[in-house]
């Protein structure tokens, strides 16, 4: 059984600065990316429902996770919740790091479509 490092009461009652310090310390000690991302998603919910500002919470740490660390199944699973933490160009970099084969296949399919346009194929059927 996994023990959660923070209770629901702590997540939804503590101030932003306190949570930032505790979550940063927790991640520094455990390197538990999955739990950290789950907690950050819970704080995004708190931001949406509450009056306090929790947008872009731990932005530098999230950016480091997605741009610098090895792409893992956990990052691929939770990536869609953190698009707002990146510019459009950086987001393309994140996607390329997390899903390199999809990017390659998309480019390859696009290349084939440009080669085999319907107009070019019409001439082939007449002969």
Protein backbone atom coordinates (compact mmCIF):
# COMPACT_ATOMS: atom_id res chain seq x y z
CA UNK A 1 0.00 0.00 0.00
CA UNK A 2 1.36 3.40 -1.00
CA UNK A 3 1.42 5.98 1.77
CA UNK A 4 0.56 9.46 0.54
CA UNK A 5 2.98 12.12 1.80
CA UNK A 6 0.21 14.71 2.23
CA UNK A 7 -3.33 14.40 3.46
CA UNK A 8 -6.23 15.93 1.55
CA UNK A 9 -6.58 18.50 4.32
CA UNK A 10 -2.95 19.54 3.93
CA UNK A 11 -3.25 19.82 0.15
CA UNK A 12 -6.36 21.96 0.29
CA UNK A 13 -5.60 24.07 3.40
CA UNK A 14 -1.87 24.90 3.42
CA UNK A 15 -0.60 28.11 1.84
CA UNK A 16 1.17 28.10 -1.50
CA UNK A 17 4.63 28.86 -0.09
CA UNK A 18 4.38 26.06 2.48
CA UNK A 19 3.26 23.54 -0.13
CA UNK A 20 6.00 24.63 -2.54
CA UNK A 21 8.67 24.03 0.08
CA UNK A 22 7.23 20.71 1.25
CA UNK A 23 6.69 19.33 -2.25
CA UNK A 24 10.14 20.41 -3.38
CA UNK A 25 11.70 18.79 -0.30
CA UNK A 26 9.60 15.65 -0.80
CA UNK A 27 10.67 15.30 -4.44
CA UNK A 28 14.29 16.01 -3.54
CA UNK A 29 14.26 13.18 -1.01
CA UNK A 30 12.24 10.56 -2.90
CA UNK A 31 12.50 11.42 -6.63
CA UNK A 32 8.94 10.03 -6.85
CA UNK A 33 7.70 11.61 -10.08
CA UNK A 34 4.33 9.85 -10.15
CA UNK A 35 3.28 11.02 -6.70
CA UNK A 36 4.54 14.53 -7.38
CA UNK A 37 2.55 14.80 -10.62
CA UNK A 38 -0.58 13.45 -8.92
CA UNK A 39 -0.22 16.06 -6.17
CA UNK A 40 0.30 18.81 -8.74
CA UNK A 41 -2.89 17.75 -10.55
CA UNK A 42 -4.75 17.91 -7.22
CA UNK A 43 -3.40 21.43 -6.77
CA UNK A 44 -4.61 22.35 -10.26
CA UNK A 45 -8.07 21.30 -9.07
CA UNK A 46 -7.62 23.47 -5.98
CA UNK A 47 -6.67 26.36 -8.26
CA UNK A 48 -9.80 25.86 -10.37
CA UNK A 49 -12.15 25.57 -7.39
CA UNK A 50 -10.62 27.94 -4.87
CA UNK A 51 -9.83 31.62 -4.54
CA UNK A 52 -6.07 31.25 -4.08
CA UNK A 53 -3.72 31.28 -7.05
CA UNK A 54 -2.10 27.89 -7.63
CA UNK A 55 -1.58 28.29 -11.37
CA UNK A 56 1.87 27.36 -12.67
CA UNK A 57 2.60 25.71 -9.31
CA UNK A 58 6.24 24.52 -9.13
CA UNK A 59 6.72 25.56 -12.75
CA UNK A 60 10.54 25.25 -12.75
CA UNK A 61 10.38 21.70 -11.36
CA UNK A 62 7.70 20.61 -13.84
CA UNK A 63 9.67 22.09 -16.72
CA UNK A 64 12.81 20.28 -15.54
CA UNK A 65 10.92 16.98 -15.33
CA UNK A 66 9.52 17.21 -18.84
CA UNK A 67 12.48 18.85 -20.61
CA UNK A 68 15.53 17.37 -18.88
CA UNK A 69 14.76 13.99 -17.32
CA UNK A 70 14.41 10.69 -19.14
CA UNK A 71 11.00 10.18 -20.74
CA UNK A 72 9.07 7.61 -18.71
CA UNK A 73 5.64 6.02 -18.80
CA UNK A 74 4.58 8.30 -15.92
CA UNK A 75 5.50 11.45 -17.85
CA UNK A 76 3.69 10.15 -20.94
CA UNK A 77 0.60 9.43 -18.85
CA UNK A 78 0.35 12.87 -17.19
CA UNK A 79 1.84 15.18 -19.83
CA UNK A 80 -1.49 16.60 -21.04
CA UNK A 81 -2.16 18.27 -17.67
CA UNK A 82 0.91 20.49 -17.92
CA UNK A 83 0.74 22.04 -21.40
CA UNK A 84 0.17 25.51 -19.90
CA UNK A 85 3.62 25.36 -18.28
CA UNK A 86 5.33 25.59 -21.70
CA UNK A 87 5.41 27.88 -24.72
CA UNK A 88 4.17 26.43 -28.02
CA UNK A 89 7.72 25.73 -29.22
CA UNK A 90 8.72 24.12 -25.92
CA UNK A 91 5.57 22.02 -25.98
CA UNK A 92 6.58 20.59 -29.35
CA UNK A 93 9.94 19.72 -27.80
CA UNK A 94 8.19 17.97 -24.91
CA UNK A 95 6.05 15.97 -27.32
CA UNK A 96 9.08 15.03 -29.41
CA UNK A 97 10.90 13.82 -26.29
CA UNK A 98 7.93 11.85 -24.97
CA UNK A 99 6.70 10.41 -28.28
CA UNK A 100 9.61 10.33 -30.75
CA UNK A 101 8.14 7.61 -33.00
CA UNK A 102 4.82 9.46 -33.38
CA UNK A 103 6.61 12.61 -34.49
CA UNK A 104 8.69 10.62 -36.99
CA UNK A 105 5.63 8.84 -38.39
CA UNK A 106 3.67 12.07 -38.69
CA UNK A 107 6.46 13.64 -40.73
CA UNK A 108 6.78 10.51 -42.87
CA UNK A 109 3.04 10.36 -43.59
CA UNK A 110 3.01 14.06 -44.43
CA UNK A 111 5.88 13.51 -46.87
CA UNK A 112 4.08 10.62 -48.59
CA UNK A 113 0.88 12.62 -48.85
CA UNK A 114 2.73 15.48 -50.52
CA UNK A 115 4.30 13.06 -53.02
CA UNK A 116 1.08 11.19 -53.80
CA UNK A 117 -1.39 14.03 -54.24
CA UNK A 118 -4.63 12.97 -55.97
CA UNK A 119 -3.74 15.22 -58.92
CA UNK A 120 -0.49 13.33 -59.54
CA UNK A 121 -2.20 9.95 -59.29
CA UNK A 122 -4.84 10.83 -61.91
CA UNK A 123 -2.18 10.94 -64.62
CA UNK A 124 -1.00 7.45 -63.69
CA UNK A 125 -4.39 5.83 -64.19
CA UNK A 126 -4.80 7.14 -67.74
CA UNK A 127 -1.80 5.24 -69.09
